């Protein structure tokens, strides 16, 4: 996202931009991610960087996903 919010941005503008970001995230979640990933539950946290750009950290519980086995060192290593 752009550097829209800063310390000198007025409070009503910050509220408006935060609401706009929330609406866009909800639409992406409902219209794109839900039908594509078929997840059952989710947890999301909104954050804003010091320069003002908003972003989301999200955990999705995907239906039918394989279970992660963390009992061995090999399975804990991430290889992309």
C-alpha atoms as a PDB file:
ATOM      1  CA  UNK A   1       0.000   0.000   0.000  1.00  0.00           C
ATOM      2  CA  UNK A   2       1.140   3.559  -0.474  1.00  0.00           C
ATOM      3  CA  UNK A   3       2.600   5.776   2.166  1.00  0.00           C
ATOM      4  CA  UNK A   4      -0.760   7.352   2.880  1.00  0.00           C
ATOM      5  CA  UNK A   5      -0.791   7.510   6.644  1.00  0.00           C
ATOM      6  CA  UNK A   6       1.804   9.468   8.552  1.00  0.00           C
ATOM      7  CA  UNK A   7       2.018  11.294  11.843  1.00  0.00           C
ATOM      8  CA  UNK A   8       0.685  14.473  10.250  1.00  0.00           C
ATOM      9  CA  UNK A   9      -2.337  12.775   8.608  1.00  0.00           C
ATOM     10  CA  UNK A  10      -5.581  13.948  10.161  1.00  0.00           C
ATOM     11  CA  UNK A  11      -7.535  11.541  12.368  1.00  0.00           C
ATOM     12  CA  UNK A  12     -10.650  11.396  10.115  1.00  0.00           C
ATOM     13  CA  UNK A  13      -8.429  10.562   7.129  1.00  0.00           C
ATOM     14  CA  UNK A  14      -6.707   7.768   9.066  1.00  0.00           C
ATOM     15  CA  UNK A  15     -10.072   6.315  10.093  1.00  0.00           C
ATOM     16  CA  UNK A  16     -11.372   6.490   6.519  1.00  0.00           C
ATOM     17  CA  UNK A  17      -8.279   4.783   5.075  1.00  0.00           C
ATOM     18  CA  UNK A  18      -8.328   2.095   7.757  1.00  0.00           C
ATOM     19  CA  UNK A  19     -11.983   1.356   7.008  1.00  0.00           C
ATOM     20  CA  UNK A  20     -11.230   1.240   3.273  1.00  0.00           C
ATOM     21  CA  UNK A  21      -8.382  -1.260   3.871  1.00  0.00           C
ATOM     22  CA  UNK A  22     -10.666  -3.389   6.067  1.00  0.00           C
ATOM     23  CA  UNK A  23     -13.404  -3.478   3.399  1.00  0.00           C
ATOM     24  CA  UNK A  24     -10.913  -4.484   0.684  1.00  0.00           C
ATOM     25  CA  UNK A  25      -9.442  -7.233   2.891  1.00  0.00           C
ATOM     26  CA  UNK A  26     -12.920  -8.604   3.715  1.00  0.00           C
ATOM     27  CA  UNK A  27     -13.806  -8.735   0.011  1.00  0.00           C
ATOM     28  CA  UNK A  28     -10.558 -10.527  -0.850  1.00  0.00           C
ATOM     29  CA  UNK A  29     -11.149 -13.004   1.965  1.00  0.00           C
ATOM     30  CA  UNK A  30     -14.796 -13.671   1.051  1.00  0.00           C
ATOM     31  CA  UNK A  31     -14.682 -13.587  -2.761  1.00  0.00           C
ATOM     32  CA  UNK A  32     -11.226 -14.981  -3.565  1.00  0.00           C
ATOM     33  CA  UNK A  33      -9.571 -16.836  -0.691  1.00  0.00           C
ATOM     34  CA  UNK A  34     -12.605 -18.632   0.772  1.00  0.00           C
ATOM     35  CA  UNK A  35     -13.795 -20.280  -2.484  1.00  0.00           C
ATOM     36  CA  UNK A  36     -10.237 -21.096  -3.555  1.00  0.00           C
ATOM     37  CA  UNK A  37      -8.821 -22.494  -0.276  1.00  0.00           C
ATOM     38  CA  UNK A  38     -12.028 -23.795   1.366  1.00  0.00           C
ATOM     39  CA  UNK A  39     -10.806 -22.907   4.845  1.00  0.00           C
ATOM     40  CA  UNK A  40     -12.929 -23.478   7.942  1.00  0.00           C
ATOM     41  CA  UNK A  41     -11.578 -20.869  10.348  1.00  0.00           C
ATOM     42  CA  UNK A  42      -9.222 -17.942  10.240  1.00  0.00           C
ATOM     43  CA  UNK A  43      -7.466 -15.452  12.491  1.00  0.00           C
ATOM     44  CA  UNK A  44      -6.275 -12.103  11.173  1.00  0.00           C
ATOM     45  CA  UNK A  45      -4.356  -9.263  12.730  1.00  0.00           C
ATOM     46  CA  UNK A  46      -4.125  -5.819  11.172  1.00  0.00           C
ATOM     47  CA  UNK A  47      -0.922  -3.853  11.564  1.00  0.00           C
ATOM     48  CA  UNK A  48       0.448  -0.580  10.305  1.00  0.00           C
ATOM     49  CA  UNK A  49       4.133   0.083   9.699  1.00  0.00           C
ATOM     50  CA  UNK A  50       5.787   3.244  10.958  1.00  0.00           C
ATOM     51  CA  UNK A  51       5.481   4.751   7.477  1.00  0.00           C
ATOM     52  CA  UNK A  52       1.735   4.147   7.588  1.00  0.00           C
ATOM     53  CA  UNK A  53       1.203   1.209   5.228  1.00  0.00           C
ATOM     54  CA  UNK A  54      -1.410  -1.250   6.474  1.00  0.00           C
ATOM     55  CA  UNK A  55      -1.010  -5.015   6.187  1.00  0.00           C
ATOM     56  CA  UNK A  56      -2.563  -8.216   7.517  1.00  0.00           C
ATOM     57  CA  UNK A  57      -1.094 -11.283   9.189  1.00  0.00           C
ATOM     58  CA  UNK A  58      -3.503 -14.161   8.779  1.00  0.00           C
ATOM     59  CA  UNK A  59      -3.688 -17.836   9.735  1.00  0.00           C
ATOM     60  CA  UNK A  60      -6.116 -20.017   7.779  1.00  0.00           C
ATOM     61  CA  UNK A  61      -7.268 -23.485   8.831  1.00  0.00           C
ATOM     62  CA  UNK A  62      -7.602 -25.139   5.438  1.00  0.00           C
ATOM     63  CA  UNK A  63     -10.048 -28.039   5.119  1.00  0.00           C
ATOM     64  CA  UNK A  64      -8.343 -31.278   4.090  1.00  0.00           C
ATOM     65  CA  UNK A  65      -4.812 -29.916   4.443  1.00  0.00           C
ATOM     66  CA  UNK A  66      -2.078 -32.353   5.345  1.00  0.00           C
ATOM     67  CA  UNK A  67      -0.933 -32.352   8.949  1.00  0.00           C
ATOM     68  CA  UNK A  68       2.515 -31.064   9.702  1.00  0.00           C
ATOM     69  CA  UNK A  69       4.803 -33.610  11.346  1.00  0.00           C
ATOM     70  CA  UNK A  70       7.338 -31.763  13.499  1.00  0.00           C
ATOM     71  CA  UNK A  71       8.742 -34.818  15.252  1.00  0.00           C
ATOM     72  CA  UNK A  72      11.928 -34.931  13.135  1.00  0.00           C
ATOM     73  CA  UNK A  73      14.493 -32.297  12.191  1.00  0.00           C
ATOM     74  CA  UNK A  74      13.976 -33.074   8.505  1.00  0.00           C
ATOM     75  CA  UNK A  75      10.259 -32.264   8.575  1.00  0.00           C
ATOM     76  CA  UNK A  76      10.830 -29.001  10.486  1.00  0.00           C
ATOM     77  CA  UNK A  77      13.219 -27.659   7.833  1.00  0.00           C
ATOM     78  CA  UNK A  78      11.420 -25.510   5.275  1.00  0.00           C
ATOM     79  CA  UNK A  79      12.440 -25.974   1.665  1.00  0.00           C
ATOM     80  CA  UNK A  80      10.742 -23.866  -0.953  1.00  0.00           C
END
